[in-house]
Amino acid sequence: MARRRTVVSGRAGPSIEGFYPTSTDAGVSLPRVRRLVIIVAVALGLAYLIGIPAFLQRDDDPLPPSADAIVVLAGSSNRLPAAEALFNGGLAPTLVVSADRSGHDEQRAALCRKPPKGVVCIHAGPATTEGEAQAVSELVDQRNWDSLILVTSRYNLFRASTIFERCVNAKITEHGVDEPWWRNAIAVPLEWIKLGVSETVRRGC
């Protein structure tokens, strides 16, 4: 690293020597850091610009008069009450609940500990949307279901419906659950990453 040697002397005292950074020292890596910050900022801006209408403003499908089952995916605690409201409203005779093996979701754990009539709990393996679609697909084939109402957070609808339509042999009706703004803010860029993974390395059923 280049340094400029400075000598300060005077009659009143001994000389003082110091090494001070030159213009070539400061900011050697700043252009790279600045470029990285700009790239990240632009990428996030595009993610939100496209992701907000694609993920957060996605409309629900019109609810059918009836369906064979209502499927609620694991995740936000807001999803299960929304699915139960549809189930209790008589839209389907069966509610399929994707349960968390860890039991962290107390609502689901309590429901699946002793499922009431009409409630079926599944434990997807792997614990991903693809795993949930595989588990539901097996139920659809076993029970000869033709139609499902898929309940999940609104930000997750686009990716989840894409996976379910690819993997499950049944008509899928989307029903989104709105989430707090802070959760949406976190979810939008993450959904892009998960969508990229599900459409490349995890594509399939």
C-alpha atoms as a PDB file:
ATOM      1  CA  MET A   1       0.000   0.000   0.000  1.00  0.00           C
ATOM      2  CA  ALA A   2       1.454   3.366  -1.020  1.00  0.00           C
ATOM      3  CA  ARG A   3       2.169   5.765   1.796  1.00  0.00           C
ATOM      4  CA  ARG A   4       3.431   9.298   1.915  1.00  0.00           C
ATOM      5  CA  ARG A   5       6.028   9.950   4.532  1.00  0.00           C
ATOM      6  CA  THR A   6       5.637  13.258   6.284  1.00  0.00           C
ATOM      7  CA  VAL A   7       8.259  14.830   8.492  1.00  0.00           C
ATOM      8  CA  VAL A   8       7.385  17.665  10.783  1.00  0.00           C
ATOM      9  CA  SER A   9      10.271  19.407  12.445  1.00  0.00           C
ATOM     10  CA  GLY A  10      10.834  22.552  14.355  1.00  0.00           C
ATOM     11  CA  ARG A  11      13.313  24.199  16.636  1.00  0.00           C
ATOM     12  CA  ALA A  12      11.087  23.789  19.660  1.00  0.00           C
ATOM     13  CA  GLY A  13      11.083  20.012  19.684  1.00  0.00           C
ATOM     14  CA  PRO A  14      12.058  16.793  18.016  1.00  0.00           C
ATOM     15  CA  SER A  15      10.932  15.943  14.539  1.00  0.00           C
ATOM     16  CA  ILE A  16       7.624  14.028  14.168  1.00  0.00           C
ATOM     17  CA  GLU A  17       7.254  11.420  11.545  1.00  0.00           C
ATOM     18  CA  GLY A  18       3.941   9.988  10.407  1.00  0.00           C
ATOM     19  CA  PHE A  19       2.484   7.926   7.631  1.00  0.00           C
ATOM     20  CA  TYR A  20      -0.747   9.150   6.098  1.00  0.00           C
ATOM     21  CA  PRO A  21      -2.911   7.428   3.497  1.00  0.00           C
ATOM     22  CA  THR A  22      -2.552   8.718  -0.024  1.00  0.00           C
ATOM     23  CA  SER A  23      -5.335   9.082  -2.526  1.00  0.00           C
ATOM     24  CA  THR A  24      -4.500   5.642  -3.896  1.00  0.00           C
ATOM     25  CA  ASP A  25      -5.272   3.989  -0.526  1.00  0.00           C
ATOM     26  CA  ALA A  26      -8.761   5.272   0.117  1.00  0.00           C
ATOM     27  CA  GLY A  27     -11.604   3.706  -1.804  1.00  0.00           C
ATOM     28  CA  VAL A  28      -9.693   0.923  -3.517  1.00  0.00           C
ATOM     29  CA  SER A  29     -12.705  -1.402  -3.144  1.00  0.00           C
ATOM     30  CA  LEU A  30     -15.412   1.256  -3.095  1.00  0.00           C
ATOM     31  CA  PRO A  31     -16.284   0.980  -6.807  1.00  0.00           C
ATOM     32  CA  ARG A  32     -16.951  -2.749  -6.401  1.00  0.00           C
ATOM     33  CA  VAL A  33     -19.011  -2.242  -3.263  1.00  0.00           C
ATOM     34  CA  ARG A  34     -20.925   0.576  -4.922  1.00  0.00           C
ATOM     35  CA  ARG A  35     -21.669  -1.563  -7.971  1.00  0.00           C
ATOM     36  CA  LEU A  36     -22.852  -4.410  -5.745  1.00  0.00           C
ATOM     37  CA  VAL A  37     -25.145  -2.083  -3.792  1.00  0.00           C
ATOM     38  CA  ILE A  38     -26.594  -0.686  -7.026  1.00  0.00           C
ATOM     39  CA  ILE A  39     -27.156  -4.173  -8.471  1.00  0.00           C
ATOM     40  CA  VAL A  40     -28.902  -5.374  -5.290  1.00  0.00           C
ATOM     41  CA  ALA A  41     -31.038  -2.216  -5.135  1.00  0.00           C
ATOM     42  CA  VAL A  42     -32.094  -2.575  -8.784  1.00  0.00           C
ATOM     43  CA  ALA A  43     -32.845  -6.283  -8.335  1.00  0.00           C
ATOM     44  CA  LEU A  44     -34.983  -5.620  -5.263  1.00  0.00           C
ATOM     45  CA  GLY A  45     -36.756  -2.784  -7.030  1.00  0.00           C
ATOM     46  CA  LEU A  46     -37.641  -5.024  -9.968  1.00  0.00           C
ATOM     47  CA  ALA A  47     -38.655  -7.835  -7.610  1.00  0.00           C
ATOM     48  CA  TYR A  48     -41.178  -5.568  -5.910  1.00  0.00           C
ATOM     49  CA  LEU A  49     -42.243  -3.772  -9.096  1.00  0.00           C
ATOM     50  CA  ILE A  50     -43.212  -7.050 -10.751  1.00  0.00           C
ATOM     51  CA  GLY A  51     -43.889  -9.069  -7.604  1.00  0.00           C
ATOM     52  CA  ILE A  52     -46.494  -6.784  -6.033  1.00  0.00           C
ATOM     53  CA  PRO A  53     -49.034  -7.160  -8.860  1.00  0.00           C
ATOM     54  CA  ALA A  54     -48.047 -10.780  -9.542  1.00  0.00           C
ATOM     55  CA  PHE A  55     -48.113 -11.979  -5.945  1.00  0.00           C
ATOM     56  CA  LEU A  56     -49.942  -9.523  -3.698  1.00  0.00           C
ATOM     57  CA  GLN A  57     -52.666  -8.314  -6.061  1.00  0.00           C
ATOM     58  CA  ARG A  58     -53.593 -11.733  -7.408  1.00  0.00           C
ATOM     59  CA  ASP A  59     -57.369 -12.195  -7.302  1.00  0.00           C
ATOM     60  CA  ASP A  60     -59.084 -15.270  -5.924  1.00  0.00           C
ATOM     61  CA  ASP A  61     -60.858 -17.610  -8.279  1.00  0.00           C
ATOM     62  CA  PRO A  62     -64.648 -17.549  -7.945  1.00  0.00           C
ATOM     63  CA  LEU A  63     -65.620 -20.135  -5.365  1.00  0.00           C
ATOM     64  CA  PRO A  64     -67.478 -23.097  -6.840  1.00  0.00           C
ATOM     65  CA  PRO A  65     -70.821 -24.244  -5.389  1.00  0.00           C
ATOM     66  CA  SER A  66     -68.948 -27.246  -4.034  1.00  0.00           C
ATOM     67  CA  ALA A  67     -65.606 -29.059  -4.237  1.00  0.00           C
ATOM     68  CA  ASP A  68     -64.300 -32.448  -3.206  1.00  0.00           C
ATOM     69  CA  ALA A  69     -61.874 -31.007  -0.664  1.00  0.00           C
ATOM     70  CA  ILE A  70     -60.351 -27.843   0.726  1.00  0.00           C
ATOM     71  CA  VAL A  71     -56.565 -27.948   1.039  1.00  0.00           C
ATOM     72  CA  VAL A  72     -54.752 -25.571   3.371  1.00  0.00           C
ATOM     73  CA  LEU A  73     -50.977 -25.356   3.072  1.00  0.00           C
ATOM     74  CA  ALA A  74     -48.590 -25.084   6.004  1.00  0.00           C
ATOM     75  CA  GLY A  75     -47.176 -21.706   6.933  1.00  0.00           C
ATOM     76  CA  SER A  76     -48.859 -18.603   8.302  1.00  0.00           C
ATOM     77  CA  SER A  77     -51.281 -19.099  11.190  1.00  0.00           C
ATOM     78  CA  ASN A  78     -53.826 -17.024   9.223  1.00  0.00           C
ATOM     79  CA  ARG A  79     -54.345 -19.790   6.692  1.00  0.00           C
ATOM     80  CA  LEU A  80     -56.085 -22.409   8.807  1.00  0.00           C
ATOM     81  CA  PRO A  81     -58.932 -20.157  10.084  1.00  0.00           C
ATOM     82  CA  ALA A  82     -59.669 -19.086   6.498  1.00  0.00           C
ATOM     83  CA  ALA A  83     -59.832 -22.711   5.359  1.00  0.00           C
ATOM     84  CA  GLU A  84     -61.998 -23.702   8.330  1.00  0.00           C
ATOM     85  CA  ALA A  85     -64.443 -20.913   7.473  1.00  0.00           C
ATOM     86  CA  LEU A  86     -64.865 -22.353   3.979  1.00  0.00           C
ATOM     87  CA  PHE A  87     -65.161 -25.882   5.370  1.00  0.00           C
ATOM     88  CA  ASN A  88     -67.734 -24.887   7.982  1.00  0.00           C
ATOM     89  CA  GLY A  89     -69.625 -23.071   5.247  1.00  0.00           C
ATOM     90  CA  GLY A  90     -70.214 -26.394   3.537  1.00  0.00           C
ATOM     91  CA  LEU A  91     -68.121 -25.839   0.417  1.00  0.00           C
ATOM     92  CA  ALA A  92     -66.496 -29.264   0.688  1.00  0.00           C
ATOM     93  CA  PRO A  93     -66.964 -32.414   2.792  1.00  0.00           C
ATOM     94  CA  THR A  94     -63.236 -32.731   3.488  1.00  0.00           C
ATOM     95  CA  LEU A  95     -60.605 -30.363   4.852  1.00  0.00           C
ATOM     96  CA  VAL A  96     -57.018 -31.401   4.138  1.00  0.00           C
ATOM     97  CA  VAL A  97     -54.587 -29.792   6.570  1.00  0.00           C
ATOM     98  CA  SER A  98     -50.871 -29.748   5.881  1.00  0.00           C
ATOM     99  CA  ALA A  99     -49.510 -30.243   9.392  1.00  0.00           C
ATOM    100  CA  ASP A 100     -46.143 -29.190  10.758  1.00  0.00           C
ATOM    101  CA  ARG A 101     -44.203 -32.204  12.028  1.00  0.00           C
ATOM    102  CA  SER A 102     -42.396 -30.023  14.563  1.00  0.00           C
ATOM    103  CA  GLY A 103     -45.678 -29.029  16.194  1.00  0.00           C
ATOM    104  CA  HIS A 104     -44.708 -25.357  16.256  1.00  0.00           C
ATOM    105  CA  ASP A 105     -48.116 -24.408  14.861  1.00  0.00           C
ATOM    106  CA  GLU A 106     -50.303 -25.014  17.897  1.00  0.00           C
ATOM    107  CA  GLN A 107     -53.551 -24.575  15.932  1.00  0.00           C
ATOM    108  CA  ARG A 108     -52.702 -27.339  13.512  1.00  0.00           C
ATOM    109  CA  ALA A 109     -51.148 -29.546  16.174  1.00  0.00           C
ATOM    110  CA  ALA A 110     -54.331 -29.376  18.271  1.00  0.00           C
ATOM    111  CA  LEU A 111     -56.563 -30.050  15.266  1.00  0.00           C
ATOM    112  CA  CYS A 112     -54.482 -32.955  13.976  1.00  0.00           C
ATOM    113  CA  ARG A 113     -53.987 -34.543  17.384  1.00  0.00           C
ATOM    114  CA  LYS A 114     -57.535 -35.822  17.106  1.00  0.00           C
ATOM    115  CA  PRO A 115     -58.976 -34.760  13.749  1.00  0.00           C
ATOM    116  CA  PRO A 116     -62.752 -34.256  13.737  1.00  0.00           C
ATOM    117  CA  LYS A 117     -64.948 -35.793  11.107  1.00  0.00           C
ATOM    118  CA  GLY A 118     -64.057 -34.605   7.629  1.00  0.00           C
ATOM    119  CA  VAL A 119     -60.544 -33.396   8.544  1.00  0.00           C
ATOM    120  CA  VAL A 120     -57.527 -35.162   7.059  1.00  0.00           C
ATOM    121  CA  CYS A 121     -54.024 -34.191   8.181  1.00  0.00           C
ATOM    122  CA  ILE A 122     -51.005 -34.790   5.982  1.00  0.00           C
ATOM    123  CA  HIS A 123     -47.318 -34.548   6.837  1.00  0.00           C
ATOM    124  CA  ALA A 124     -45.503 -33.660   3.649  1.00  0.00           C
ATOM    125  CA  GLY A 125     -42.058 -35.028   3.099  1.00  0.00           C
ATOM    126  CA  PRO A 126     -40.154 -33.025   2.086  1.00  0.00           C
ATOM    127  CA  ALA A 127     -41.757 -30.128   3.940  1.00  0.00           C
ATOM    128  CA  THR A 128     -42.064 -27.962   0.862  1.00  0.00           C
ATOM    129  CA  THR A 129     -44.887 -26.879  -1.414  1.00  0.00           C
ATOM    130  CA  GLU A 130     -43.752 -29.592  -3.823  1.00  0.00           C
ATOM    131  CA  GLY A 131     -43.949 -32.139  -0.999  1.00  0.00           C
ATOM    132  CA  GLU A 132     -47.432 -30.935  -0.093  1.00  0.00           C
ATOM    133  CA  ALA A 133     -48.544 -31.267  -3.716  1.00  0.00           C
ATOM    134  CA  GLN A 134     -47.226 -34.833  -3.843  1.00  0.00           C
ATOM    135  CA  ALA A 135     -49.089 -35.771  -0.644  1.00  0.00           C
ATOM    136  CA  VAL A 136     -52.323 -34.202  -1.898  1.00  0.00           C
ATOM    137  CA  SER A 137     -51.902 -35.887  -5.273  1.00  0.00           C
ATOM    138  CA  GLU A 138     -51.881 -39.278  -3.542  1.00  0.00           C
ATOM    139  CA  LEU A 139     -55.133 -38.402  -1.742  1.00  0.00           C
ATOM    140  CA  VAL A 140     -56.714 -37.240  -4.991  1.00  0.00           C
ATOM    141  CA  ASP A 141     -55.855 -40.528  -6.672  1.00  0.00           C
ATOM    142  CA  GLN A 142     -56.967 -42.634  -3.693  1.00  0.00           C
ATOM    143  CA  ARG A 143     -60.304 -40.863  -3.259  1.00  0.00           C
ATOM    144  CA  ASN A 144     -61.038 -40.046  -6.900  1.00  0.00           C
ATOM    145  CA  TRP A 145     -61.342 -36.320  -6.223  1.00  0.00           C
ATOM    146  CA  ASP A 146     -61.901 -34.011  -9.150  1.00  0.00           C
ATOM    147  CA  SER A 147     -61.828 -30.539  -7.591  1.00  0.00           C
ATOM    148  CA  LEU A 148     -59.929 -28.768  -4.809  1.00  0.00           C
ATOM    149  CA  ILE A 149     -59.986 -25.335  -3.181  1.00  0.00           C
ATOM    150  CA  LEU A 150     -56.391 -24.376  -2.420  1.00  0.00           C
ATOM    151  CA  VAL A 151     -55.969 -22.044   0.574  1.00  0.00           C
ATOM    152  CA  THR A 152     -52.674 -20.296   1.217  1.00  0.00           C
ATOM    153  CA  SER A 153     -51.272 -16.810   1.786  1.00  0.00           C
ATOM    154  CA  ARG A 154     -51.940 -14.525  -1.156  1.00  0.00           C
ATOM    155  CA  TYR A 155     -48.251 -13.977  -1.820  1.00  0.00           C
ATOM    156  CA  ASN A 156     -47.866 -17.753  -2.155  1.00  0.00           C
ATOM    157  CA  LEU A 157     -50.808 -18.310  -4.532  1.00  0.00           C
ATOM    158  CA  PHE A 158     -48.908 -17.897  -7.798  1.00  0.00           C
ATOM    159  CA  ARG A 159     -46.179 -20.414  -6.976  1.00  0.00           C
ATOM    160  CA  ALA A 160     -48.431 -22.856  -5.100  1.00  0.00           C
ATOM    161  CA  SER A 161     -51.078 -22.980  -7.828  1.00  0.00           C
ATOM    162  CA  THR A 162     -48.378 -23.450 -10.476  1.00  0.00           C
ATOM    163  CA  ILE A 163     -47.002 -26.447  -8.592  1.00  0.00           C
ATOM    164  CA  PHE A 164     -50.413 -27.949  -7.791  1.00  0.00           C
ATOM    165  CA  GLU A 165     -51.683 -27.593 -11.350  1.00  0.00           C
ATOM    166  CA  ARG A 166     -48.568 -29.407 -12.535  1.00  0.00           C
ATOM    167  CA  CYS A 167     -48.612 -32.170  -9.930  1.00  0.00           C
ATOM    168  CA  VAL A 168     -52.244 -32.752  -8.935  1.00  0.00           C
ATOM    169  CA  ASN A 169     -54.791 -34.268 -11.297  1.00  0.00           C
ATOM    170  CA  ALA A 170     -57.728 -32.118 -10.190  1.00  0.00           C
ATOM    171  CA  LYS A 171     -59.246 -28.721 -10.884  1.00  0.00           C
ATOM    172  CA  ILE A 172     -57.638 -26.139  -8.579  1.00  0.00           C
ATOM    173  CA  THR A 173     -59.565 -23.128  -7.255  1.00  0.00           C
ATOM    174  CA  GLU A 174     -57.298 -20.521  -5.666  1.00  0.00           C
ATOM    175  CA  HIS A 175     -58.268 -18.808  -2.417  1.00  0.00           C
ATOM    176  CA  GLY A 176     -55.753 -16.328  -0.998  1.00  0.00           C
ATOM    177  CA  VAL A 177     -55.336 -15.149   2.583  1.00  0.00           C
ATOM    178  CA  ASP A 178     -54.145 -11.582   3.085  1.00  0.00           C
ATOM    179  CA  GLU A 179     -51.151 -11.099   5.377  1.00  0.00           C
ATOM    180  CA  PRO A 180     -49.698  -8.114   7.303  1.00  0.00           C
ATOM    181  CA  TRP A 181     -47.596  -5.672   5.271  1.00  0.00           C
ATOM    182  CA  TRP A 182     -44.332  -6.654   6.951  1.00  0.00           C
ATOM    183  CA  ARG A 183     -44.812 -10.310   6.087  1.00  0.00           C
ATOM    184  CA  ASN A 184     -45.613  -9.396   2.490  1.00  0.00           C
ATOM    185  CA  ALA A 185     -42.491  -7.224   2.331  1.00  0.00           C
ATOM    186  CA  ILE A 186     -40.342 -10.170   3.364  1.00  0.00           C
ATOM    187  CA  ALA A 187     -42.230 -12.695   1.256  1.00  0.00           C
ATOM    188  CA  VAL A 188     -42.071 -11.010  -2.160  1.00  0.00           C
ATOM    189  CA  PRO A 189     -38.318 -11.379  -2.812  1.00  0.00           C
ATOM    190  CA  LEU A 190     -38.324 -14.822  -1.186  1.00  0.00           C
ATOM    191  CA  GLU A 191     -41.141 -15.962  -3.468  1.00  0.00           C
ATOM    192  CA  TRP A 192     -39.026 -15.063  -6.499  1.00  0.00           C
ATOM    193  CA  ILE A 193     -36.188 -17.223  -5.188  1.00  0.00           C
ATOM    194  CA  LYS A 194     -38.511 -20.123  -4.360  1.00  0.00           C
ATOM    195  CA  LEU A 195     -40.247 -19.799  -7.726  1.00  0.00           C
ATOM    196  CA  GLY A 196     -36.900 -19.973  -9.493  1.00  0.00           C
ATOM    197  CA  VAL A 197     -35.979 -23.110  -7.550  1.00  0.00           C
ATOM    198  CA  SER A 198     -39.354 -24.786  -8.117  1.00  0.00           C
ATOM    199  CA  GLU A 199     -39.187 -24.135 -11.847  1.00  0.00           C
ATOM    200  CA  THR A 200     -35.601 -25.345 -12.265  1.00  0.00           C
ATOM    201  CA  VAL A 201     -33.885 -27.699  -9.826  1.00  0.00           C
ATOM    202  CA  ARG A 202     -37.121 -28.885  -8.170  1.00  0.00           C
ATOM    203  CA  ARG A 203     -39.305 -28.913 -11.233  1.00  0.00           C
ATOM    204  CA  GLY A 204     -41.348 -32.074 -11.303  1.00  0.00           C
ATOM    205  CA  CYS A 205     -43.616 -33.940  -8.903  1.00  0.00           C
END
